PDB file of N, CA and C in Angstrom:
ATOM      1  N   MET A   1      27.651  70.123 135.007  1.00  0.00           N
ATOM      2  CA  MET A   1      28.365  70.919 135.982  1.00  0.00           C
ATOM      3  C   MET A   1      29.820  70.463 136.049  1.00  0.00           C
ATOM      4  N   THR A   2      30.754  71.433 136.097  1.00  0.00           N
ATOM      5  CA  THR A   2      32.167  71.071 136.121  1.00  0.00           C
ATOM      6  C   THR A   2      32.736  71.199 137.518  1.00  0.00           C
ATOM      7  N   ASP A   3      33.705  70.373 137.785  1.00  0.00           N
ATOM      8  CA  ASP A   3      34.423  70.409 139.061  1.00  0.00           C
ATOM      9  C   ASP A   3      35.284  71.667 139.092  1.00  0.00           C
ATOM     10  N   ALA A   4      35.314  72.370 140.216  1.00  0.00           N
ATOM     11  CA  ALA A   4      36.065  73.628 140.336  1.00  0.00           C
ATOM     12  C   ALA A   4      37.563  73.419 140.142  1.00  0.00           C
ATOM     13  N   SER A   5      38.076  72.206 140.414  1.00  0.00           N
ATOM     14  CA  SER A   5      39.506  71.949 140.257  1.00  0.00           C
ATOM     15  C   SER A   5      39.877  71.609 138.818  1.00  0.00           C
ATOM     16  N   THR A   6      38.877  71.373 137.970  1.00  0.00           N
ATOM     17  CA  THR A   6      39.135  71.066 136.569  1.00  0.00           C
ATOM     18  C   THR A   6      39.170  72.363 135.771  1.00  0.00           C
ATOM     19  N   PRO A   7      40.255  72.585 135.004  1.00  0.00           N
ATOM     20  CA  PRO A   7      40.302  73.821 134.211  1.00  0.00           C
ATOM     21  C   PRO A   7      39.174  73.850 133.182  1.00  0.00           C
ATOM     22  N   MET A   8      38.666  75.043 132.923  1.00  0.00           N
ATOM     23  CA  MET A   8      37.625  75.181 131.911  1.00  0.00           C
ATOM     24  C   MET A   8      38.201  74.803 130.554  1.00  0.00           C
ATOM     25  N   GLU A   9      37.376  74.227 129.724  1.00  0.00           N
ATOM     26  CA  GLU A   9      37.828  73.870 128.389  1.00  0.00           C
ATOM     27  C   GLU A   9      38.284  75.123 127.658  1.00  0.00           C
ATOM     28  N   GLY A  10      39.451  75.045 127.037  1.00  0.00           N
ATOM     29  CA  GLY A  10      39.985  76.198 126.320  1.00  0.00           C
ATOM     30  C   GLY A  10      40.840  77.103 127.194  1.00  0.00           C
ATOM     31  N   ALA A  11      40.803  76.909 128.526  1.00  0.00           N
ATOM     32  CA  ALA A  11      41.636  77.722 129.417  1.00  0.00           C
ATOM     33  C   ALA A  11      43.085  77.251 129.299  1.00  0.00           C
ATOM     34  N   PRO A  12      44.044  78.179 129.263  1.00  0.00           N
ATOM     35  CA  PRO A  12      45.438  77.756 129.134  1.00  0.00           C
ATOM     36  C   PRO A  12      45.905  77.017 130.387  1.00  0.00           C
ATOM     37  N   LEU A  13      46.724  75.988 130.201  1.00  0.00           N
ATOM     38  CA  LEU A  13      47.266  75.258 131.343  1.00  0.00           C
ATOM     39  C   LEU A  13      48.320  76.096 132.053  1.00  0.00           C
ATOM     40  N   ILE A  14      48.979  76.963 131.293  1.00  0.00           N
ATOM     41  CA  ILE A  14      50.002  77.836 131.852  1.00  0.00           C
ATOM     42  C   ILE A  14      49.498  79.270 131.727  1.00  0.00           C
ATOM     43  N   ALA A  15      49.412  79.955 132.860  1.00  0.00           N
ATOM     44  CA  ALA A  15      48.915  81.336 132.862  1.00  0.00           C
ATOM     45  C   ALA A  15      49.879  82.238 132.088  1.00  0.00           C
ATOM     46  N   PRO A  16      49.359  83.280 131.427  1.00  0.00           N
ATOM     47  CA  PRO A  16      50.226  84.170 130.659  1.00  0.00           C
ATOM     48  C   PRO A  16      51.102  85.041 131.564  1.00  0.00           C
ATOM     49  N   SER A  17      52.270  85.400 131.055  1.00  0.00           N
ATOM     50  CA  SER A  17      53.197  86.292 131.756  1.00  0.00           C
ATOM     51  C   SER A  17      52.906  87.734 131.367  1.00  0.00           C
ATOM     52  N   THR A  18      53.349  88.678 132.203  1.00  0.00           N
ATOM     53  CA  THR A  18      53.208  90.103 131.877  1.00  0.00           C
ATOM     54  C   THR A  18      54.450  90.538 131.089  1.00  0.00           C
ATOM     55  N   THR A  19      54.471  90.125 129.835  1.00  0.00           N
ATOM     56  CA  THR A  19      55.641  90.357 128.983  1.00  0.00           C
ATOM     57  C   THR A  19      55.829  91.826 128.623  1.00  0.00           C
ATOM     58  N   ASP A  20      54.794  92.641 128.796  1.00  0.00           N
ATOM     59  CA  ASP A  20      54.901  94.055 128.429  1.00  0.00           C
ATOM     60  C   ASP A  20      55.407  94.934 129.573  1.00  0.00           C
ATOM     61  N   HIS A  21      55.681  94.341 130.748  1.00  0.00           N
ATOM     62  CA  HIS A  21      56.182  95.125 131.879  1.00  0.00           C
ATOM     63  C   HIS A  21      57.665  95.454 131.657  1.00  0.00           C
ATOM     64  N   PRO A  22      58.098  96.675 132.005  1.00  0.00           N
ATOM     65  CA  PRO A  22      59.500  97.063 131.797  1.00  0.00           C
ATOM     66  C   PRO A  22      60.514  96.155 132.508  1.00  0.00           C
ATOM     67  N   LEU A  23      60.130  95.508 133.595  1.00  0.00           N
ATOM     68  CA  LEU A  23      61.060  94.637 134.319  1.00  0.00           C
ATOM     69  C   LEU A  23      61.123  93.215 133.750  1.00  0.00           C
ATOM     70  N   TYR A  24      60.209  92.885 132.849  1.00  0.00           N
ATOM     71  CA  TYR A  24      60.079  91.494 132.391  1.00  0.00           C
ATOM     72  C   TYR A  24      61.384  90.922 131.839  1.00  0.00           C
ATOM     73  N   GLU A  25      62.025  91.626 130.915  1.00  0.00           N
ATOM     74  CA  GLU A  25      63.256  91.107 130.291  1.00  0.00           C
ATOM     75  C   GLU A  25      64.370  90.916 131.318  1.00  0.00           C
ATOM     76  N   ASP A  26      64.489  91.848 132.278  1.00  0.00           N
ATOM     77  CA  ASP A  26      65.504  91.704 133.327  1.00  0.00           C
ATOM     78  C   ASP A  26      65.213  90.468 134.182  1.00  0.00           C
ATOM     79  N   ILE A  27      63.943  90.223 134.451  1.00  0.00           N
ATOM     80  CA  ILE A  27      63.561  89.057 135.251  1.00  0.00           C
ATOM     81  C   ILE A  27      63.881  87.769 134.488  1.00  0.00           C
ATOM     82  N   VAL A  28      63.573  87.748 133.192  1.00  0.00           N
ATOM     83  CA  VAL A  28      63.902  86.585 132.360  1.00  0.00           C
ATOM     84  C   VAL A  28      65.415  86.342 132.393  1.00  0.00           C
ATOM     85  N   ASN A  29      66.197  87.403 132.234  1.00  0.00           N
ATOM     86  CA  ASN A  29      67.659  87.257 132.250  1.00  0.00           C
ATOM     87  C   ASN A  29      68.149  86.754 133.607  1.00  0.00           C
ATOM     88  N   ALA A  30      67.509  87.209 134.692  1.00  0.00           N
ATOM     89  CA  ALA A  30      67.866  86.713 136.029  1.00  0.00           C
ATOM     90  C   ALA A  30      67.556  85.215 136.123  1.00  0.00           C
ATOM     91  N   CYS A  31      66.413  84.798 135.585  1.00  0.00           N
ATOM     92  CA  CYS A  31      66.054  83.373 135.588  1.00  0.00           C
ATOM     93  C   CYS A  31      67.061  82.560 134.776  1.00  0.00           C
ATOM     94  N   ARG A  32      67.591  83.164 133.717  1.00  0.00           N
ATOM     95  CA  ARG A  32      68.586  82.476 132.880  1.00  0.00           C
ATOM     96  C   ARG A  32      69.922  82.291 133.609  1.00  0.00           C
ATOM     97  N   SER A  33      70.097  82.934 134.762  1.00  0.00           N
ATOM     98  CA  SER A  33      71.338  82.756 135.522  1.00  0.00           C
ATOM     99  C   SER A  33      71.247  81.559 136.477  1.00  0.00           C
ATOM    100  N   VAL A  34      70.070  80.922 136.536  1.00  0.00           N
ATOM    101  CA  VAL A  34      69.862  79.779 137.429  1.00  0.00           C
ATOM    102  C   VAL A  34      69.889  78.498 136.585  1.00  0.00           C
ATOM    103  N   TYR A  35      70.675  77.536 137.040  1.00  0.00           N
ATOM    104  CA  TYR A  35      70.832  76.282 136.306  1.00  0.00           C
ATOM    105  C   TYR A  35      70.370  75.103 137.135  1.00  0.00           C
ATOM    106  N   ASP A  36      69.771  74.127 136.455  1.00  0.00           N
ATOM    107  CA  ASP A  36      69.491  72.839 137.075  1.00  0.00           C
ATOM    108  C   ASP A  36      70.854  72.165 137.214  1.00  0.00           C
ATOM    109  N   PRO A  37      71.247  71.732 138.414  1.00  0.00           N
ATOM    110  CA  PRO A  37      72.587  71.186 138.587  1.00  0.00           C
ATOM    111  C   PRO A  37      72.860  69.912 137.785  1.00  0.00           C
ATOM    112  N   GLU A  38      71.818  69.246 137.320  1.00  0.00           N
ATOM    113  CA  GLU A  38      72.018  68.011 136.571  1.00  0.00           C
ATOM    114  C   GLU A  38      72.005  68.212 135.060  1.00  0.00           C
ATOM    115  N   ILE A  39      71.598  69.407 134.615  1.00  0.00           N
ATOM    116  CA  ILE A  39      71.486  69.670 133.176  1.00  0.00           C
ATOM    117  C   ILE A  39      72.206  70.984 132.892  1.00  0.00           C
ATOM    118  N   PRO A  40      73.142  71.014 131.940  1.00  0.00           N
ATOM    119  CA  PRO A  40      73.935  72.227 131.706  1.00  0.00           C
ATOM    120  C   PRO A  40      73.211  73.306 130.888  1.00  0.00           C
ATOM    121  N   VAL A  41      71.939  73.543 131.206  1.00  0.00           N
ATOM    122  CA  VAL A  41      71.141  74.555 130.522  1.00  0.00           C
ATOM    123  C   VAL A  41      70.379  75.320 131.599  1.00  0.00           C
ATOM    124  N   ASN A  42      70.216  76.634 131.394  1.00  0.00           N
ATOM    125  CA  ASN A  42      69.501  77.424 132.402  1.00  0.00           C
ATOM    126  C   ASN A  42      68.021  77.031 132.459  1.00  0.00           C
ATOM    127  N   ILE A  43      67.418  77.298 133.620  1.00  0.00           N
ATOM    128  CA  ILE A  43      66.039  76.839 133.858  1.00  0.00           C
ATOM    129  C   ILE A  43      65.013  77.533 132.969  1.00  0.00           C
ATOM    130  N   TYR A  44      65.321  78.761 132.508  1.00  0.00           N
ATOM    131  CA  TYR A  44      64.367  79.450 131.637  1.00  0.00           C
ATOM    132  C   TYR A  44      64.312  78.752 130.277  1.00  0.00           C
ATOM    133  N   ASP A  45      65.482  78.485 129.694  1.00  0.00           N
ATOM    134  CA  ASP A  45      65.503  77.832 128.384  1.00  0.00           C
ATOM    135  C   ASP A  45      65.085  76.365 128.457  1.00  0.00           C
ATOM    136  N   LEU A  46      65.201  75.767 129.644  1.00  0.00           N
ATOM    137  CA  LEU A  46      64.677  74.410 129.818  1.00  0.00           C
ATOM    138  C   LEU A  46      63.149  74.406 129.807  1.00  0.00           C
ATOM    139  N   GLY A  47      62.540  75.575 130.024  1.00  0.00           N
ATOM    140  CA  GLY A  47      61.077  75.657 130.056  1.00  0.00           C
ATOM    141  C   GLY A  47      60.511  75.424 131.444  1.00  0.00           C
ATOM    142  N   LEU A  48      61.356  75.555 132.481  1.00  0.00           N
ATOM    143  CA  LEU A  48      60.879  75.323 133.844  1.00  0.00           C
ATOM    144  C   LEU A  48      60.158  76.527 134.435  1.00  0.00           C
ATOM    145  N   ILE A  49      60.352  77.709 133.857  1.00  0.00           N
ATOM    146  CA  ILE A  49      59.630  78.903 134.303  1.00  0.00           C
ATOM    147  C   ILE A  49      58.357  78.994 133.474  1.00  0.00           C
ATOM    148  N   TYR A  50      57.224  78.754 134.098  1.00  0.00           N
ATOM    149  CA  TYR A  50      55.954  78.763 133.375  1.00  0.00           C
ATOM    150  C   TYR A  50      55.394  80.181 133.242  1.00  0.00           C
ATOM    151  N   THR A  51      55.372  80.924 134.330  1.00  0.00           N
ATOM    152  CA  THR A  51      54.713  82.232 134.319  1.00  0.00           C
ATOM    153  C   THR A  51      55.497  83.226 135.156  1.00  0.00           C
ATOM    154  N   ILE A  52      55.654  84.444 134.624  1.00  0.00           N
ATOM    155  CA  ILE A  52      56.234  85.568 135.361  1.00  0.00           C
ATOM    156  C   ILE A  52      55.211  86.685 135.326  1.00  0.00           C
ATOM    157  N   VAL A  53      54.700  87.064 136.507  1.00  0.00           N
ATOM    158  CA  VAL A  53      53.727  88.146 136.591  1.00  0.00           C
ATOM    159  C   VAL A  53      54.335  89.259 137.432  1.00  0.00           C
ATOM    160  N   VAL A  54      54.325  90.481 136.879  1.00  0.00           N
ATOM    161  CA  VAL A  54      54.820  91.638 137.611  1.00  0.00           C
ATOM    162  C   VAL A  54      53.617  92.531 137.892  1.00  0.00           C
ATOM    163  N   ALA A  55      53.322  92.740 139.177  1.00  0.00           N
ATOM    164  CA  ALA A  55      52.179  93.555 139.593  1.00  0.00           C
ATOM    165  C   ALA A  55      52.497  95.041 139.423  1.00  0.00           C
ATOM    166  N   GLU A  56      51.481  95.863 139.543  1.00  0.00           N
ATOM    167  CA  GLU A  56      51.667  97.312 139.407  1.00  0.00           C
ATOM    168  C   GLU A  56      52.672  97.857 140.408  1.00  0.00           C
ATOM    169  N   ASP A  57      52.746  97.241 141.602  1.00  0.00           N
ATOM    170  CA  ASP A  57      53.693  97.711 142.622  1.00  0.00           C
ATOM    171  C   ASP A  57      55.071  97.050 142.472  1.00  0.00           C
ATOM    172  N   ASN A  58      55.305  96.352 141.340  1.00  0.00           N
ATOM    173  CA  ASN A  58      56.559  95.674 141.010  1.00  0.00           C
ATOM    174  C   ASN A  58      56.845  94.446 141.877  1.00  0.00           C
ATOM    175  N   ALA A  59      55.809  93.901 142.513  1.00  0.00           N
ATOM    176  CA  ALA A  59      55.947  92.602 143.171  1.00  0.00           C
ATOM    177  C   ALA A  59      55.935  91.547 142.068  1.00  0.00           C
ATOM    178  N   VAL A  60      56.846  90.596 142.155  1.00  0.00           N
ATOM    179  CA  VAL A  60      57.008  89.584 141.109  1.00  0.00           C
ATOM    180  C   VAL A  60      56.506  88.236 141.626  1.00  0.00           C
ATOM    181  N   SER A  61      55.707  87.579 140.794  1.00  0.00           N
ATOM    182  CA  SER A  61      55.214  86.247 141.104  1.00  0.00           C
ATOM    183  C   SER A  61      55.670  85.310 139.987  1.00  0.00           C
ATOM    184  N   VAL A  62      56.337  84.236 140.360  1.00  0.00           N
ATOM    185  CA  VAL A  62      56.844  83.276 139.386  1.00  0.00           C
ATOM    186  C   VAL A  62      56.211  81.922 139.674  1.00  0.00           C
ATOM    187  N   ILE A  63      55.721  81.277 138.617  1.00  0.00           N
ATOM    188  CA  ILE A  63      55.243  79.902 138.724  1.00  0.00           C
ATOM    189  C   ILE A  63      56.217  79.057 137.925  1.00  0.00           C
ATOM    190  N   MET A  64      56.790  78.065 138.590  1.00  0.00           N
ATOM    191  CA  MET A  64      57.790  77.230 137.928  1.00  0.00           C
ATOM    192  C   MET A  64      57.533  75.764 138.218  1.00  0.00           C
ATOM    193  N   THR A  65      58.276  74.916 137.527  1.00  0.00           N
ATOM    194  CA  THR A  65      58.188  73.481 137.732  1.00  0.00           C
ATOM    195  C   THR A  65      59.591  72.919 137.764  1.00  0.00           C
ATOM    196  N   LEU A  66      59.704  71.622 137.834  1.00  0.00           N
ATOM    197  CA  LEU A  66      60.981  70.921 137.790  1.00  0.00           C
ATOM    198  C   LEU A  66      60.904  69.871 136.698  1.00  0.00           C
ATOM    199  N   THR A  67      62.054  69.371 136.263  1.00  0.00           N
ATOM    200  CA  THR A  67      62.039  68.336 135.228  1.00  0.00           C
ATOM    201  C   THR A  67      61.360  67.068 135.738  1.00  0.00           C
ATOM    202  N   ALA A  68      61.428  66.844 137.060  1.00  0.00           N
ATOM    203  CA  ALA A  68      60.767  65.680 137.668  1.00  0.00           C
ATOM    204  C   ALA A  68      60.421  66.018 139.116  1.00  0.00           C
ATOM    205  N   PRO A  69      59.275  65.540 139.617  1.00  0.00           N
ATOM    206  CA  PRO A  69      58.893  65.828 141.007  1.00  0.00           C
ATOM    207  C   PRO A  69      59.945  65.392 142.030  1.00  0.00           C
ATOM    208  N   GLY A  70      60.720  64.354 141.726  1.00  0.00           N
ATOM    209  CA  GLY A  70      61.726  63.858 142.654  1.00  0.00           C
ATOM    210  C   GLY A  70      63.081  64.536 142.511  1.00  0.00           C
ATOM    211  N   CYS A  71      63.128  65.661 141.820  1.00  0.00           N
ATOM    212  CA  CYS A  71      64.384  66.389 141.603  1.00  0.00           C
ATOM    213  C   CYS A  71      65.069  66.643 142.950  1.00  0.00           C
ATOM    214  N   PRO A  72      66.368  66.323 143.070  1.00  0.00           N
ATOM    215  CA  PRO A  72      67.046  66.464 144.360  1.00  0.00           C
ATOM    216  C   PRO A  72      67.118  67.902 144.897  1.00  0.00           C
ATOM    217  N   VAL A  73      66.961  68.903 144.027  1.00  0.00           N
ATOM    218  CA  VAL A  73      67.023  70.303 144.489  1.00  0.00           C
ATOM    219  C   VAL A  73      65.640  70.946 144.538  1.00  0.00           C
ATOM    220  N   ALA A  74      64.592  70.131 144.589  1.00  0.00           N
ATOM    221  CA  ALA A  74      63.211  70.640 144.576  1.00  0.00           C
ATOM    222  C   ALA A  74      62.972  71.678 145.659  1.00  0.00           C
ATOM    223  N   GLY A  75      63.521  71.464 146.836  1.00  0.00           N
ATOM    224  CA  GLY A  75      63.302  72.401 147.928  1.00  0.00           C
ATOM    225  C   GLY A  75      64.131  73.661 147.823  1.00  0.00           C
ATOM    226  N   GLU A  76      65.225  73.612 147.053  1.00  0.00           N
ATOM    227  CA  GLU A  76      66.146  74.733 146.957  1.00  0.00           C
ATOM    228  C   GLU A  76      65.918  75.640 145.746  1.00  0.00           C
ATOM    229  N   MET A  77      65.485  75.068 144.642  1.00  0.00           N
ATOM    230  CA  MET A  77      65.422  75.834 143.397  1.00  0.00           C
ATOM    231  C   MET A  77      64.527  77.074 143.457  1.00  0.00           C
ATOM    232  N   PRO A  78      63.336  77.031 144.084  1.00  0.00           N
ATOM    233  CA  PRO A  78      62.548  78.269 144.167  1.00  0.00           C
ATOM    234  C   PRO A  78      63.324  79.402 144.868  1.00  0.00           C
ATOM    235  N   GLY A  79      64.105  79.067 145.870  1.00  0.00           N
ATOM    236  CA  GLY A  79      64.924  80.060 146.558  1.00  0.00           C
ATOM    237  C   GLY A  79      66.005  80.623 145.653  1.00  0.00           C
ATOM    238  N   TRP A  80      66.590  79.759 144.815  1.00  0.00           N
ATOM    239  CA  TRP A  80      67.607  80.227 143.864  1.00  0.00           C
ATOM    240  C   TRP A  80      66.996  81.231 142.894  1.00  0.00           C
ATOM    241  N   VAL A  81      65.771  80.947 142.437  1.00  0.00           N
ATOM    242  CA  VAL A  81      65.087  81.843 141.500  1.00  0.00           C
ATOM    243  C   VAL A  81      64.792  83.177 142.182  1.00  0.00           C
ATOM    244  N   ALA A  82      64.254  83.125 143.398  1.00  0.00           N
ATOM    245  CA  ALA A  82      63.960  84.353 144.144  1.00  0.00           C
ATOM    246  C   ALA A  82      65.236  85.155 144.385  1.00  0.00           C
ATOM    247  N   ASP A  83      66.329  84.466 144.758  1.00  0.00           N
ATOM    248  CA  ASP A  83      67.604  85.145 145.015  1.00  0.00           C
ATOM    249  C   ASP A  83      68.169  85.802 143.754  1.00  0.00           C
ATOM    250  N   ALA A  84      67.863  85.252 142.582  1.00  0.00           N
ATOM    251  CA  ALA A  84      68.337  85.827 141.322  1.00  0.00           C
ATOM    252  C   ALA A  84      67.536  87.072 140.948  1.00  0.00           C
ATOM    253  N   ILE A  85      66.234  87.089 141.265  1.00  0.00           N
ATOM    254  CA  ILE A  85      65.345  88.182 140.855  1.00  0.00           C
ATOM    255  C   ILE A  85      65.332  89.337 141.852  1.00  0.00           C
ATOM    256  N   GLU A  86      65.364  89.034 143.163  1.00  0.00           N
ATOM    257  CA  GLU A  86      65.210  90.070 144.192  1.00  0.00           C
ATOM    258  C   GLU A  86      66.180  91.252 144.081  1.00  0.00           C
ATOM    259  N   PRO A  87      67.458  91.048 143.723  1.00  0.00           N
ATOM    260  CA  PRO A  87      68.381  92.193 143.660  1.00  0.00           C
ATOM    261  C   PRO A  87      68.132  93.158 142.493  1.00  0.00           C
ATOM    262  N   LEU A  88      67.267  92.785 141.546  1.00  0.00           N
ATOM    263  CA  LEU A  88      67.043  93.655 140.385  1.00  0.00           C
ATOM    264  C   LEU A  88      66.463  94.998 140.821  1.00  0.00           C
ATOM    265  N   PRO A  89      66.996  96.110 140.281  1.00  0.00           N
ATOM    266  CA  PRO A  89      66.451  97.433 140.622  1.00  0.00           C
ATOM    267  C   PRO A  89      64.972  97.515 140.266  1.00  0.00           C
ATOM    268  N   GLY A  90      64.165  97.970 141.212  1.00  0.00           N
ATOM    269  CA  GLY A  90      62.737  98.152 140.975  1.00  0.00           C
ATOM    270  C   GLY A  90      61.873  97.012 141.468  1.00  0.00           C
ATOM    271  N   VAL A  91      62.469  95.832 141.692  1.00  0.00           N
ATOM    272  CA  VAL A  91      61.675  94.696 142.156  1.00  0.00           C
ATOM    273  C   VAL A  91      61.342  94.891 143.622  1.00  0.00           C
ATOM    274  N   LYS A  92      60.039  94.808 143.939  1.00  0.00           N
ATOM    275  CA  LYS A  92      59.594  95.012 145.317  1.00  0.00           C
ATOM    276  C   LYS A  92      59.768  93.752 146.156  1.00  0.00           C
ATOM    277  N   GLN A  93      59.207  92.659 145.703  1.00  0.00           N
ATOM    278  CA  GLN A  93      59.327  91.377 146.393  1.00  0.00           C
ATOM    279  C   GLN A  93      59.145  90.274 145.366  1.00  0.00           C
ATOM    280  N   VAL A  94      59.532  89.054 145.730  1.00  0.00           N
ATOM    281  CA  VAL A  94      59.437  87.925 144.806  1.00  0.00           C
ATOM    282  C   VAL A  94      58.770  86.755 145.517  1.00  0.00           C
ATOM    283  N   ASP A  95      57.787  86.164 144.838  1.00  0.00           N
ATOM    284  CA  ASP A  95      57.113  84.978 145.334  1.00  0.00           C
ATOM    285  C   ASP A  95      57.263  83.907 144.258  1.00  0.00           C
ATOM    286  N   VAL A  96      57.877  82.781 144.607  1.00  0.00           N
ATOM    287  CA  VAL A  96      58.062  81.693 143.650  1.00  0.00           C
ATOM    288  C   VAL A  96      57.208  80.517 144.093  1.00  0.00           C
ATOM    289  N   GLU A  97      56.340  80.085 143.200  1.00  0.00           N
ATOM    290  CA  GLU A  97      55.432  78.971 143.475  1.00  0.00           C
ATOM    291  C   GLU A  97      55.807  77.791 142.596  1.00  0.00           C
ATOM    292  N   MET A  98      55.795  76.599 143.169  1.00  0.00           N
ATOM    293  CA  MET A  98      56.111  75.379 142.434  1.00  0.00           C
ATOM    294  C   MET A  98      54.816  74.701 142.015  1.00  0.00           C
ATOM    295  N   THR A  99      54.786  74.187 140.784  1.00  0.00           N
ATOM    296  CA  THR A  99      53.623  73.442 140.303  1.00  0.00           C
ATOM    297  C   THR A  99      54.110  72.259 139.471  1.00  0.00           C
ATOM    298  N   PHE A 100      53.281  71.261 139.362  1.00  0.00           N
ATOM    299  CA  PHE A 100      53.578  70.141 138.466  1.00  0.00           C
ATOM    300  C   PHE A 100      52.437  69.942 137.475  1.00  0.00           C
ATOM    301  N   GLU A 101      51.624  70.993 137.308  1.00  0.00           N
ATOM    302  CA  GLU A 101      50.532  70.986 136.335  1.00  0.00           C
ATOM    303  C   GLU A 101      50.708  72.169 135.400  1.00  0.00           C
ATOM    304  N   PRO A 102      50.906  72.010 134.143  1.00  0.00           N
ATOM    305  CA  PRO A 102      51.115  70.723 133.487  1.00  0.00           C
ATOM    306  C   PRO A 102      52.507  70.183 133.787  1.00  0.00           C
ATOM    307  N   GLN A 103      52.643  68.890 133.621  1.00  0.00           N
ATOM    308  CA  GLN A 103      53.936  68.252 133.838  1.00  0.00           C
ATOM    309  C   GLN A 103      54.916  68.734 132.783  1.00  0.00           C
ATOM    310  N   TRP A 104      56.174  68.981 133.192  1.00  0.00           N
ATOM    311  CA  TRP A 104      57.202  69.428 132.259  1.00  0.00           C
ATOM    312  C   TRP A 104      57.502  68.335 131.245  1.00  0.00           C
ATOM    313  N   GLY A 105      57.779  68.752 130.024  1.00  0.00           N
ATOM    314  CA  GLY A 105      58.182  67.819 128.982  1.00  0.00           C
ATOM    315  C   GLY A 105      59.271  68.448 128.127  1.00  0.00           C
ATOM    316  N   MET A 106      60.020  67.632 127.434  1.00  0.00           N
ATOM    317  CA  MET A 106      61.139  68.148 126.627  1.00  0.00           C
ATOM    318  C   MET A 106      60.666  69.110 125.539  1.00  0.00           C
ATOM    319  N   ASP A 107      59.387  69.045 125.173  1.00  0.00           N
ATOM    320  CA  ASP A 107      58.859  69.964 124.169  1.00  0.00           C
ATOM    321  C   ASP A 107      58.781  71.399 124.694  1.00  0.00           C
ATOM    322  N   MET A 108      58.979  71.600 125.986  1.00  0.00           N
ATOM    323  CA  MET A 108      58.936  72.948 126.582  1.00  0.00           C
ATOM    324  C   MET A 108      60.293  73.656 126.504  1.00  0.00           C
ATOM    325  N   MET A 109      61.319  72.937 126.081  1.00  0.00           N
ATOM    326  CA  MET A 109      62.650  73.537 125.991  1.00  0.00           C
ATOM    327  C   MET A 109      62.741  74.468 124.785  1.00  0.00           C
ATOM    328  N   SER A 110      63.555  75.506 124.907  1.00  0.00           N
ATOM    329  CA  SER A 110      63.807  76.392 123.776  1.00  0.00           C
ATOM    330  C   SER A 110      64.683  75.652 122.760  1.00  0.00           C
ATOM    331  N   ASP A 111      64.720  76.170 121.539  1.00  0.00           N
ATOM    332  CA  ASP A 111      65.588  75.575 120.520  1.00  0.00           C
ATOM    333  C   ASP A 111      67.043  75.602 120.971  1.00  0.00           C
ATOM    334  N   GLU A 112      67.443  76.686 121.677  1.00  0.00           N
ATOM    335  CA  GLU A 112      68.816  76.793 122.170  1.00  0.00           C
ATOM    336  C   GLU A 112      69.132  75.650 123.128  1.00  0.00           C
ATOM    337  N   ALA A 113      68.178  75.341 124.029  1.00  0.00           N
ATOM    338  CA  ALA A 113      68.386  74.250 124.989  1.00  0.00           C
ATOM    339  C   ALA A 113      68.480  72.922 124.269  1.00  0.00           C
ATOM    340  N   ARG A 114      67.624  72.693 123.297  1.00  0.00           N
ATOM    341  CA  ARG A 114      67.652  71.426 122.531  1.00  0.00           C
ATOM    342  C   ARG A 114      68.975  71.260 121.818  1.00  0.00           C
ATOM    343  N   LEU A 115      69.465  72.351 121.232  1.00  0.00           N
ATOM    344  CA  LEU A 115      70.744  72.326 120.523  1.00  0.00           C
ATOM    345  C   LEU A 115      71.881  72.017 121.500  1.00  0.00           C
ATOM    346  N   GLU A 116      71.876  72.725 122.650  1.00  0.00           N
ATOM    347  CA  GLU A 116      72.907  72.538 123.682  1.00  0.00           C
ATOM    348  C   GLU A 116      72.967  71.100 124.165  1.00  0.00           C
ATOM    349  N   LEU A 117      71.802  70.454 124.287  1.00  0.00           N
ATOM    350  CA  LEU A 117      71.739  69.101 124.795  1.00  0.00           C
ATOM    351  C   LEU A 117      71.809  68.034 123.700  1.00  0.00           C
ATOM    352  N   GLY A 118      71.964  68.490 122.442  1.00  0.00           N
ATOM    353  CA  GLY A 118      72.119  67.549 121.338  1.00  0.00           C
ATOM    354  C   GLY A 118      70.845  66.932 120.840  1.00  0.00           C
ATOM    355  N   PHE A 119      69.696  67.587 121.081  1.00  0.00           N
ATOM    356  CA  PHE A 119      68.421  67.073 120.612  1.00  0.00           C
ATOM    357  C   PHE A 119      68.024  67.640 119.254  1.00  0.00           C
ATOM    358  N   MET A 120      68.895  68.450 118.654  1.00  0.00           N
ATOM    359  CA  MET A 120      68.599  69.041 117.332  1.00  0.00           C
ATOM    360  C   MET A 120      69.757  68.795 116.399  1.00  0.00           C
TER     361      MET A 120
END
């Protein structure tokens, strides 16, 4: 018997995004306008946005993380993400949830972010 809090074997640690929704690319671009104040790369390319789900009624749910749980802007960053997405035409509402499972790692950064930070 498995514990309900333990993910099933083979289940993804990061839930899939609704990439086929017409608003998805605009939402990604809005996320790219938000920067971690300590790192000169946007939070999307840093890999801090784990999941973007757009419901049928165009309500947007974002699951994100931080580079570290003790990040000084931990309380503010979800609001920055919501403020970037909410003005988009067609978006009904935005809910941003913070998670630290799985923990963020540098392997989650895009190639562009790695290049920008000199890791490539």
